[in-house]
Amino acid sequence: TCIGYISYIRVSGVSYTDKMSSSRLLSLAMRRTMATSQRRCFSDMAFTFASPHEVFFNNANVRQVDVPTFSGTFGILPQHVPTITVLKPGIVTVHEEAGGSKRFAVSSGSVTVNVDSVQIRSE
């Protein structure tokens, strides 16, 4: 094993100052990363979908949402890049956690995508 002198290292928000072998440091970093990723469930995506007259979903966990936009139809999965876009007339498809899907006709509206949530306001 290669021994390296490490004066300061930061792994998953924790600072370490020590003389460690590179394999021990790698093992420590992997354990910290795995513990962090196990706490977060990457399949969670809070979904809110409402019209002026009715709320269809309110912070519901869903697997995927397909939306029609003026730049094309695209699917939104958990951990999607943050996006703000305008809906065009078409069909919004919501793929639920249980495996089923629901389809909604929309004429206009907006979509706001955050890393862990999606909000659709439509007409």
N, C-alpha and C. Protein backbone atom coordinates (compact mmCIF):
# COMPACT_ATOMS: atom_id res chain seq x y z
N THR A 1 0.83 -1.19 0.00
CA THR A 1 0.00 0.00 0.00
C THR A 1 0.88 1.25 0.00
N CYS A 2 0.42 2.22 -0.71
CA CYS A 2 1.13 3.49 -0.77
C CYS A 2 0.70 4.34 0.41
N ILE A 3 1.65 4.88 1.15
CA ILE A 3 1.34 5.75 2.28
C ILE A 3 1.54 7.19 1.81
N GLY A 4 0.57 8.02 2.05
CA GLY A 4 0.68 9.41 1.67
C GLY A 4 0.42 10.31 2.86
N TYR A 5 1.10 11.42 2.89
CA TYR A 5 0.86 12.38 3.96
C TYR A 5 -0.25 13.31 3.52
N ILE A 6 -1.27 13.39 4.30
CA ILE A 6 -2.41 14.23 3.98
C ILE A 6 -2.57 15.23 5.10
N SER A 7 -2.43 16.47 4.78
CA SER A 7 -2.54 17.46 5.84
C SER A 7 -4.00 17.87 6.06
N TYR A 8 -4.80 17.83 5.00
CA TYR A 8 -6.19 18.24 5.14
C TYR A 8 -6.99 17.66 3.99
N ILE A 9 -8.11 17.04 4.29
CA ILE A 9 -9.01 16.55 3.24
C ILE A 9 -10.43 16.68 3.74
N ARG A 10 -11.35 16.95 2.82
CA ARG A 10 -12.75 17.10 3.17
C ARG A 10 -13.54 16.06 2.40
N VAL A 11 -14.21 15.15 3.12
CA VAL A 11 -15.00 14.08 2.50
C VAL A 11 -16.42 14.21 3.00
N SER A 12 -17.36 14.45 2.08
CA SER A 12 -18.79 14.56 2.41
C SER A 12 -19.04 15.50 3.58
N GLY A 13 -18.38 16.65 3.56
CA GLY A 13 -18.64 17.67 4.57
C GLY A 13 -17.87 17.48 5.87
N VAL A 14 -17.01 16.47 5.99
CA VAL A 14 -16.25 16.23 7.21
C VAL A 14 -14.78 16.43 6.89
N SER A 15 -14.07 17.19 7.73
CA SER A 15 -12.65 17.44 7.52
C SER A 15 -11.82 16.40 8.25
N TYR A 16 -10.72 15.96 7.61
CA TYR A 16 -9.82 14.97 8.20
C TYR A 16 -8.40 15.49 8.10
N THR A 17 -7.66 15.40 9.16
CA THR A 17 -6.23 15.66 9.13
C THR A 17 -5.56 14.45 9.74
N ASP A 18 -4.77 13.74 8.94
CA ASP A 18 -4.19 12.49 9.42
C ASP A 18 -3.20 12.00 8.38
N LYS A 19 -2.41 11.01 8.79
CA LYS A 19 -1.55 10.30 7.87
C LYS A 19 -2.26 8.98 7.58
N MET A 20 -2.74 8.80 6.35
CA MET A 20 -3.52 7.62 6.00
C MET A 20 -2.96 6.99 4.74
N SER A 21 -3.19 5.71 4.61
CA SER A 21 -2.86 5.06 3.35
C SER A 21 -3.89 5.49 2.32
N SER A 22 -3.53 5.49 1.06
CA SER A 22 -4.46 5.91 0.01
C SER A 22 -5.65 4.97 -0.07
N SER A 23 -5.43 3.65 0.17
CA SER A 23 -6.56 2.72 0.11
C SER A 23 -7.52 2.95 1.27
N ARG A 24 -6.99 3.28 2.45
CA ARG A 24 -7.86 3.56 3.60
C ARG A 24 -8.66 4.83 3.36
N LEU A 25 -8.03 5.84 2.79
CA LEU A 25 -8.72 7.09 2.48
C LEU A 25 -9.83 6.86 1.46
N LEU A 26 -9.54 6.07 0.42
CA LEU A 26 -10.54 5.76 -0.59
C LEU A 26 -11.70 4.99 0.02
N SER A 27 -11.39 4.02 0.88
CA SER A 27 -12.43 3.24 1.55
C SER A 27 -13.32 4.14 2.41
N LEU A 28 -12.70 5.06 3.14
CA LEU A 28 -13.45 6.00 3.98
C LEU A 28 -14.35 6.89 3.13
N ALA A 29 -13.82 7.40 2.03
CA ALA A 29 -14.61 8.26 1.15
C ALA A 29 -15.79 7.50 0.55
N MET A 30 -15.58 6.24 0.14
CA MET A 30 -16.66 5.46 -0.44
C MET A 30 -17.75 5.15 0.60
N ARG A 31 -17.33 4.83 1.84
CA ARG A 31 -18.33 4.55 2.87
C ARG A 31 -19.16 5.79 3.17
N ARG A 32 -18.53 6.95 3.22
CA ARG A 32 -19.26 8.20 3.48
C ARG A 32 -20.22 8.50 2.34
N THR A 33 -19.78 8.30 1.11
CA THR A 33 -20.63 8.56 -0.05
C THR A 33 -21.81 7.60 -0.08
N MET A 34 -21.57 6.31 0.19
CA MET A 34 -22.65 5.33 0.17
C MET A 34 -23.66 5.61 1.28
N ALA A 35 -23.18 6.02 2.45
CA ALA A 35 -24.10 6.32 3.55
C ALA A 35 -24.95 7.52 3.20
N THR A 36 -24.37 8.51 2.54
CA THR A 36 -25.12 9.70 2.15
C THR A 36 -26.16 9.35 1.09
N SER A 37 -25.78 8.55 0.07
CA SER A 37 -26.72 8.23 -1.00
C SER A 37 -27.81 7.30 -0.52
N GLN A 38 -27.56 6.49 0.52
CA GLN A 38 -28.60 5.61 1.03
C GLN A 38 -29.66 6.40 1.78
N ARG A 39 -29.30 7.54 2.33
CA ARG A 39 -30.28 8.36 3.04
C ARG A 39 -31.24 9.03 2.07
N ARG A 40 -30.75 9.40 0.89
CA ARG A 40 -31.61 10.03 -0.09
C ARG A 40 -32.16 8.97 -1.01
N CYS A 41 -33.42 9.08 -1.31
CA CYS A 41 -34.01 8.13 -2.24
C CYS A 41 -34.15 8.84 -3.58
N PHE A 42 -33.38 8.41 -4.57
CA PHE A 42 -33.37 9.09 -5.85
C PHE A 42 -34.65 8.86 -6.65
N SER A 43 -35.54 8.02 -6.16
CA SER A 43 -36.79 7.81 -6.87
C SER A 43 -37.88 8.76 -6.36
N ASP A 44 -37.57 9.57 -5.37
CA ASP A 44 -38.56 10.51 -4.84
C ASP A 44 -38.59 11.78 -5.68
N MET A 45 -39.78 12.13 -6.13
CA MET A 45 -39.97 13.38 -6.84
C MET A 45 -41.35 13.90 -6.44
N ALA A 46 -41.39 14.97 -5.67
CA ALA A 46 -42.65 15.56 -5.25
C ALA A 46 -43.29 16.26 -6.45
N PHE A 47 -44.52 15.90 -6.75
CA PHE A 47 -45.19 16.41 -7.94
C PHE A 47 -46.47 17.12 -7.55
N THR A 48 -46.60 18.36 -8.00
CA THR A 48 -47.81 19.14 -7.79
C THR A 48 -48.34 19.55 -9.15
N PHE A 49 -49.62 19.29 -9.38
CA PHE A 49 -50.27 19.58 -10.66
C PHE A 49 -51.63 20.17 -10.36
N ALA A 50 -51.84 21.41 -10.81
CA ALA A 50 -53.10 22.09 -10.49
C ALA A 50 -53.55 22.96 -11.66
N SER A 51 -54.87 23.13 -11.70
CA SER A 51 -55.50 24.08 -12.63
C SER A 51 -56.18 25.13 -11.75
N PRO A 52 -56.73 26.17 -12.34
CA PRO A 52 -57.42 27.17 -11.51
C PRO A 52 -58.61 26.59 -10.74
N HIS A 53 -59.15 25.46 -11.20
CA HIS A 53 -60.36 24.92 -10.58
C HIS A 53 -60.15 23.66 -9.75
N GLU A 54 -59.00 22.99 -9.91
CA GLU A 54 -58.81 21.71 -9.24
C GLU A 54 -57.32 21.41 -9.04
N VAL A 55 -57.01 20.74 -7.94
CA VAL A 55 -55.66 20.23 -7.69
C VAL A 55 -55.68 18.74 -7.97
N PHE A 56 -54.88 18.29 -8.94
CA PHE A 56 -54.87 16.88 -9.32
C PHE A 56 -53.87 16.09 -8.49
N PHE A 57 -52.69 16.67 -8.23
CA PHE A 57 -51.65 16.05 -7.39
C PHE A 57 -51.10 17.15 -6.48
N ASN A 58 -50.86 16.81 -5.23
CA ASN A 58 -50.29 17.77 -4.29
C ASN A 58 -49.13 17.10 -3.55
N ASN A 59 -47.90 17.39 -3.99
CA ASN A 59 -46.68 16.78 -3.42
C ASN A 59 -46.72 15.26 -3.44
N ALA A 60 -47.27 14.69 -4.48
CA ALA A 60 -47.34 13.24 -4.63
C ALA A 60 -46.01 12.72 -5.18
N ASN A 61 -45.57 11.54 -4.72
CA ASN A 61 -44.38 10.91 -5.28
C ASN A 61 -44.77 10.22 -6.58
N VAL A 62 -44.08 10.57 -7.65
CA VAL A 62 -44.31 9.96 -8.96
C VAL A 62 -42.98 9.52 -9.55
N ARG A 63 -43.03 8.62 -10.53
CA ARG A 63 -41.82 8.13 -11.18
C ARG A 63 -41.36 9.03 -12.32
N GLN A 64 -42.32 9.53 -13.12
CA GLN A 64 -41.98 10.32 -14.30
C GLN A 64 -43.17 11.16 -14.70
N VAL A 65 -42.89 12.30 -15.30
CA VAL A 65 -43.93 13.17 -15.86
C VAL A 65 -43.51 13.54 -17.28
N ASP A 66 -44.39 13.32 -18.26
CA ASP A 66 -44.12 13.70 -19.65
C ASP A 66 -44.96 14.93 -19.96
N VAL A 67 -44.29 15.99 -20.45
CA VAL A 67 -44.99 17.25 -20.70
C VAL A 67 -44.77 17.73 -22.13
N PRO A 68 -45.82 18.32 -22.75
CA PRO A 68 -45.67 18.92 -24.08
C PRO A 68 -45.23 20.37 -23.94
N THR A 69 -44.14 20.74 -24.60
CA THR A 69 -43.68 22.14 -24.56
C THR A 69 -43.44 22.60 -25.99
N PHE A 70 -43.21 23.88 -26.15
CA PHE A 70 -42.98 24.43 -27.49
C PHE A 70 -41.64 23.99 -28.07
N SER A 71 -40.74 23.50 -27.22
CA SER A 71 -39.47 22.97 -27.73
C SER A 71 -39.51 21.46 -27.87
N GLY A 72 -40.69 20.85 -27.68
CA GLY A 72 -40.86 19.41 -27.83
C GLY A 72 -41.36 18.78 -26.54
N THR A 73 -41.83 17.55 -26.65
CA THR A 73 -42.29 16.82 -25.48
C THR A 73 -41.09 16.19 -24.79
N PHE A 74 -41.02 16.31 -23.46
CA PHE A 74 -39.91 15.68 -22.75
C PHE A 74 -40.39 15.06 -21.45
N GLY A 75 -39.63 14.07 -21.00
CA GLY A 75 -39.95 13.37 -19.76
C GLY A 75 -39.11 13.92 -18.62
N ILE A 76 -39.73 14.03 -17.45
CA ILE A 76 -39.05 14.54 -16.27
C ILE A 76 -38.94 13.38 -15.28
N LEU A 77 -37.71 13.06 -14.91
CA LEU A 77 -37.41 12.00 -13.95
C LEU A 77 -36.86 12.64 -12.67
N PRO A 78 -36.79 11.88 -11.57
CA PRO A 78 -36.17 12.42 -10.36
C PRO A 78 -34.74 12.88 -10.66
N GLN A 79 -34.31 13.92 -9.99
CA GLN A 79 -32.98 14.53 -10.13
C GLN A 79 -32.79 15.18 -11.51
N HIS A 80 -33.88 15.59 -12.14
CA HIS A 80 -33.81 16.28 -13.44
C HIS A 80 -33.15 17.64 -13.25
N VAL A 81 -32.50 18.10 -14.28
CA VAL A 81 -31.89 19.43 -14.22
C VAL A 81 -33.00 20.47 -14.03
N PRO A 82 -32.79 21.48 -13.17
CA PRO A 82 -33.82 22.51 -12.97
C PRO A 82 -34.17 23.21 -14.29
N THR A 83 -35.47 23.38 -14.51
CA THR A 83 -35.97 23.93 -15.77
C THR A 83 -37.25 24.71 -15.52
N ILE A 84 -37.45 25.76 -16.29
CA ILE A 84 -38.74 26.47 -16.32
C ILE A 84 -39.13 26.56 -17.78
N THR A 85 -40.35 26.12 -18.10
CA THR A 85 -40.79 26.14 -19.49
C THR A 85 -42.30 26.36 -19.56
N VAL A 86 -42.79 26.59 -20.77
CA VAL A 86 -44.20 26.85 -21.01
C VAL A 86 -44.82 25.62 -21.68
N LEU A 87 -46.01 25.23 -21.22
CA LEU A 87 -46.73 24.12 -21.83
C LEU A 87 -47.38 24.57 -23.13
N LYS A 88 -47.44 23.67 -24.10
CA LYS A 88 -48.24 23.90 -25.29
C LYS A 88 -49.45 22.98 -25.20
N PRO A 89 -50.48 23.20 -25.97
CA PRO A 89 -51.63 22.30 -25.93
C PRO A 89 -51.20 20.86 -26.22
N GLY A 90 -51.66 19.94 -25.38
CA GLY A 90 -51.29 18.54 -25.56
C GLY A 90 -51.68 17.70 -24.35
N ILE A 91 -51.00 16.59 -24.18
CA ILE A 91 -51.30 15.63 -23.12
C ILE A 91 -50.13 15.58 -22.13
N VAL A 92 -50.42 15.76 -20.84
CA VAL A 92 -49.45 15.55 -19.76
C VAL A 92 -49.69 14.14 -19.25
N THR A 93 -48.65 13.32 -19.24
CA THR A 93 -48.74 11.95 -18.74
C THR A 93 -47.97 11.84 -17.44
N VAL A 94 -48.64 11.34 -16.40
CA VAL A 94 -48.02 11.17 -15.08
C VAL A 94 -47.88 9.68 -14.81
N HIS A 95 -46.65 9.21 -14.64
CA HIS A 95 -46.37 7.82 -14.34
C HIS A 95 -46.23 7.70 -12.82
N GLU A 96 -47.20 7.04 -12.19
CA GLU A 96 -47.26 6.98 -10.74
C GLU A 96 -46.33 5.92 -10.16
N GLU A 97 -46.04 6.04 -8.87
CA GLU A 97 -45.18 5.08 -8.16
C GLU A 97 -45.72 3.66 -8.25
N ALA A 98 -47.03 3.51 -8.20
CA ALA A 98 -47.65 2.18 -8.20
C ALA A 98 -47.54 1.48 -9.55
N GLY A 99 -47.14 2.21 -10.59
CA GLY A 99 -46.97 1.59 -11.90
C GLY A 99 -47.97 2.05 -12.93
N GLY A 100 -49.08 2.63 -12.52
CA GLY A 100 -50.07 3.11 -13.47
C GLY A 100 -49.70 4.48 -14.01
N SER A 101 -50.46 4.93 -14.98
CA SER A 101 -50.24 6.28 -15.51
C SER A 101 -51.58 6.96 -15.74
N LYS A 102 -51.58 8.27 -15.61
CA LYS A 102 -52.77 9.08 -15.86
C LYS A 102 -52.41 10.13 -16.89
N ARG A 103 -53.40 10.43 -17.74
CA ARG A 103 -53.19 11.42 -18.81
C ARG A 103 -54.16 12.57 -18.63
N PHE A 104 -53.66 13.79 -18.85
CA PHE A 104 -54.46 15.00 -18.70
C PHE A 104 -54.26 15.88 -19.93
N ALA A 105 -55.36 16.39 -20.48
CA ALA A 105 -55.28 17.33 -21.60
C ALA A 105 -55.07 18.73 -21.03
N VAL A 106 -54.12 19.46 -21.60
CA VAL A 106 -53.85 20.83 -21.18
C VAL A 106 -53.87 21.74 -22.40
N SER A 107 -54.28 22.99 -22.18
CA SER A 107 -54.26 23.95 -23.29
C SER A 107 -53.12 24.95 -23.16
N SER A 108 -52.69 25.21 -21.92
CA SER A 108 -51.56 26.11 -21.68
C SER A 108 -51.13 25.95 -20.22
N GLY A 109 -50.04 26.61 -19.87
CA GLY A 109 -49.58 26.56 -18.49
C GLY A 109 -48.07 26.65 -18.41
N SER A 110 -47.54 26.39 -17.21
CA SER A 110 -46.10 26.45 -17.00
C SER A 110 -45.63 25.24 -16.20
N VAL A 111 -44.36 24.90 -16.40
CA VAL A 111 -43.72 23.79 -15.70
C VAL A 111 -42.49 24.33 -15.00
N THR A 112 -42.36 24.04 -13.71
CA THR A 112 -41.17 24.39 -12.95
C THR A 112 -40.57 23.10 -12.42
N VAL A 113 -39.33 22.83 -12.80
CA VAL A 113 -38.65 21.61 -12.36
C VAL A 113 -37.51 22.00 -11.45
N ASN A 114 -37.50 21.45 -10.24
CA ASN A 114 -36.38 21.56 -9.31
C ASN A 114 -35.76 20.17 -9.22
N VAL A 115 -34.65 20.04 -8.53
CA VAL A 115 -33.96 18.75 -8.44
C VAL A 115 -34.86 17.67 -7.85
N ASP A 116 -35.70 18.02 -6.86
CA ASP A 116 -36.51 17.01 -6.18
C ASP A 116 -38.00 17.25 -6.28
N SER A 117 -38.43 18.18 -7.14
CA SER A 117 -39.87 18.45 -7.26
C SER A 117 -40.21 19.01 -8.64
N VAL A 118 -41.49 18.86 -8.98
CA VAL A 118 -42.03 19.39 -10.24
C VAL A 118 -43.38 20.02 -9.94
N GLN A 119 -43.59 21.23 -10.46
CA GLN A 119 -44.89 21.90 -10.33
C GLN A 119 -45.39 22.24 -11.72
N ILE A 120 -46.65 21.88 -11.96
CA ILE A 120 -47.31 22.24 -13.22
C ILE A 120 -48.55 23.04 -12.88
N ARG A 121 -48.66 24.23 -13.46
CA ARG A 121 -49.87 25.03 -13.35
C ARG A 121 -50.43 25.13 -14.76
N SER A 122 -51.65 24.64 -14.93
CA SER A 122 -52.19 24.54 -16.29
C SER A 122 -53.63 25.02 -16.37
N GLU A 123 -54.06 25.16 -17.59
CA GLU A 123 -55.47 25.46 -17.89
C GLU A 123 -56.01 24.40 -18.80
